[in-house]
Protein backbone atom coordinates (compact mmCIF):
# COMPACT_ATOMS: atom_id res chain seq x y z
CA UNK A 1 63.87 -127.20 175.82
CA UNK A 2 62.88 -124.23 173.71
CA UNK A 3 64.78 -123.44 170.52
CA UNK A 4 66.55 -120.58 172.29
CA UNK A 5 67.87 -122.85 175.00
CA UNK A 6 68.79 -125.68 172.63
CA UNK A 7 70.54 -123.24 170.30
CA UNK A 8 72.59 -121.75 173.13
CA UNK A 9 73.57 -125.24 174.27
CA UNK A 10 74.58 -126.33 170.77
CA UNK A 11 76.63 -123.19 170.18
CA UNK A 12 78.93 -124.27 173.01
CA UNK A 13 80.17 -127.21 171.00
CA UNK A 14 79.82 -126.41 167.30
CA UNK A 15 81.26 -123.83 164.93
CA UNK A 16 81.39 -123.25 161.17
CA UNK A 17 83.22 -126.03 159.26
CA UNK A 18 82.60 -128.62 162.00
CA UNK A 19 81.24 -131.99 160.91
CA UNK A 20 77.94 -133.08 162.44
CA UNK A 21 75.17 -135.63 162.10
CA UNK A 22 71.77 -134.13 161.30
CA UNK A 23 68.41 -135.81 161.07
CA UNK A 24 66.12 -135.27 158.09
CA UNK A 25 62.85 -137.17 157.60
CA UNK A 26 63.91 -139.64 160.26
CA UNK A 27 67.22 -140.47 158.54
CA UNK A 28 70.68 -139.50 159.79
CA UNK A 29 73.09 -137.67 157.50
CA UNK A 30 76.68 -136.52 158.00
CA UNK A 31 77.43 -132.97 156.92
CA UNK A 32 79.54 -129.89 157.39
CA UNK A 33 78.31 -126.67 158.99
CA UNK A 34 78.45 -123.82 156.49
CA UNK A 35 76.61 -121.00 158.24
CA UNK A 36 74.98 -120.24 161.56
CA UNK A 37 72.08 -117.82 161.82
CA UNK A 38 71.88 -116.68 165.43
CA UNK A 39 68.81 -114.54 164.81
CA UNK A 40 66.72 -117.35 163.36
CA UNK A 41 68.44 -120.00 165.53
CA UNK A 42 69.26 -122.14 162.51
CA UNK A 43 72.31 -123.99 161.27
CA UNK A 44 73.10 -124.40 157.56
CA UNK A 45 74.60 -127.80 156.84
CA UNK A 46 75.96 -129.24 153.60
CA UNK A 47 75.10 -132.92 153.84
CA UNK A 48 76.84 -135.83 152.20
CA UNK A 49 74.81 -138.31 150.20
CA UNK A 50 74.57 -142.03 149.56
CA UNK A 51 75.12 -143.03 145.96
CA UNK A 52 75.04 -146.34 144.16
CA UNK A 53 78.10 -148.34 145.10
CA UNK A 54 78.54 -146.84 148.56
CA UNK A 55 79.53 -149.50 151.04
CA UNK A 56 78.34 -149.59 154.66
CA UNK A 57 79.35 -146.33 156.33
CA UNK A 58 80.48 -144.72 153.07
CA UNK A 59 79.14 -141.40 151.85
CA UNK A 60 79.89 -139.05 148.99
CA UNK A 61 80.38 -135.29 149.24
CA UNK A 62 77.61 -133.35 147.59
CA UNK A 63 77.63 -129.71 146.62
CA UNK A 64 73.86 -129.41 146.32
CA UNK A 65 72.40 -130.91 149.47
CA UNK A 66 72.52 -127.83 151.67
CA UNK A 67 69.69 -126.92 154.05
CA UNK A 68 68.90 -124.95 157.18
CA UNK A 69 68.37 -127.12 160.26
CA UNK A 70 66.90 -126.32 163.63
CA UNK A 71 69.05 -127.09 166.71
CA UNK A 72 66.91 -130.13 167.48
CA UNK A 73 67.94 -131.71 164.17
CA UNK A 74 71.65 -131.57 164.99
CA UNK A 75 72.39 -134.84 166.79
CA UNK A 76 76.09 -134.60 167.47
CA UNK A 77 79.54 -133.90 166.15
CA UNK A 78 81.72 -136.30 164.16
CA UNK A 79 85.34 -136.28 163.14
CA UNK A 80 85.96 -135.18 159.52
CA UNK A 81 85.41 -137.90 156.91
CA UNK A 82 88.34 -140.05 155.86
CA UNK A 83 88.56 -140.70 152.15
CA UNK A 84 88.31 -144.42 151.49
CA UNK A 85 88.62 -144.50 147.73
CA UNK A 86 88.40 -142.22 144.73
CA UNK A 87 86.60 -143.14 141.53
CA UNK A 88 86.05 -141.17 138.36
CA UNK A 89 82.98 -139.36 139.50
CA UNK A 90 83.00 -139.81 143.28
CA UNK A 91 85.31 -139.54 146.19
CA UNK A 92 83.87 -141.94 148.72
CA UNK A 93 84.46 -141.21 152.36
CA UNK A 94 83.99 -143.33 155.41
CA UNK A 95 82.03 -141.20 157.77
CA UNK A 96 79.30 -142.32 160.00
CA UNK A 97 80.55 -145.07 162.24
CA UNK A 98 80.01 -145.42 165.94
CA UNK A 99 83.70 -144.86 166.65
CA UNK A 100 83.83 -141.32 165.33
CA UNK A 101 80.37 -140.15 166.35
CA UNK A 102 80.29 -138.05 169.48
CA UNK A 103 76.91 -137.68 171.06
CA UNK A 104 77.50 -134.25 172.47
CA UNK A 105 74.08 -133.06 173.46
CA UNK A 106 74.31 -132.85 177.20
CA UNK A 107 71.54 -134.44 179.21
CA UNK A 108 71.77 -132.06 182.09
CA UNK A 109 68.52 -132.61 183.89
């Protein structure tokens, strides 16, 4: 699928502030959609990050890890993170688990 087609498909199921899983350098990251550029067919996502002390499935909100992604890098939608515990410097959230990950890219061959 060309970017045009993929973008049109993705726009059916995502909007600003939705939570998604994106892929970056072969790794999957949860993040929140901040902007959508229809002209350039790109989606701006603020990703969460792994920090020391994160347990399995736990991520920390970041205010710096924001990038533009192409439609092909957006793997699916997830439900918003649930806060698991708060520490001095981090609020850890349980995000990326199979149960709340919706693979929403339609395989309509």
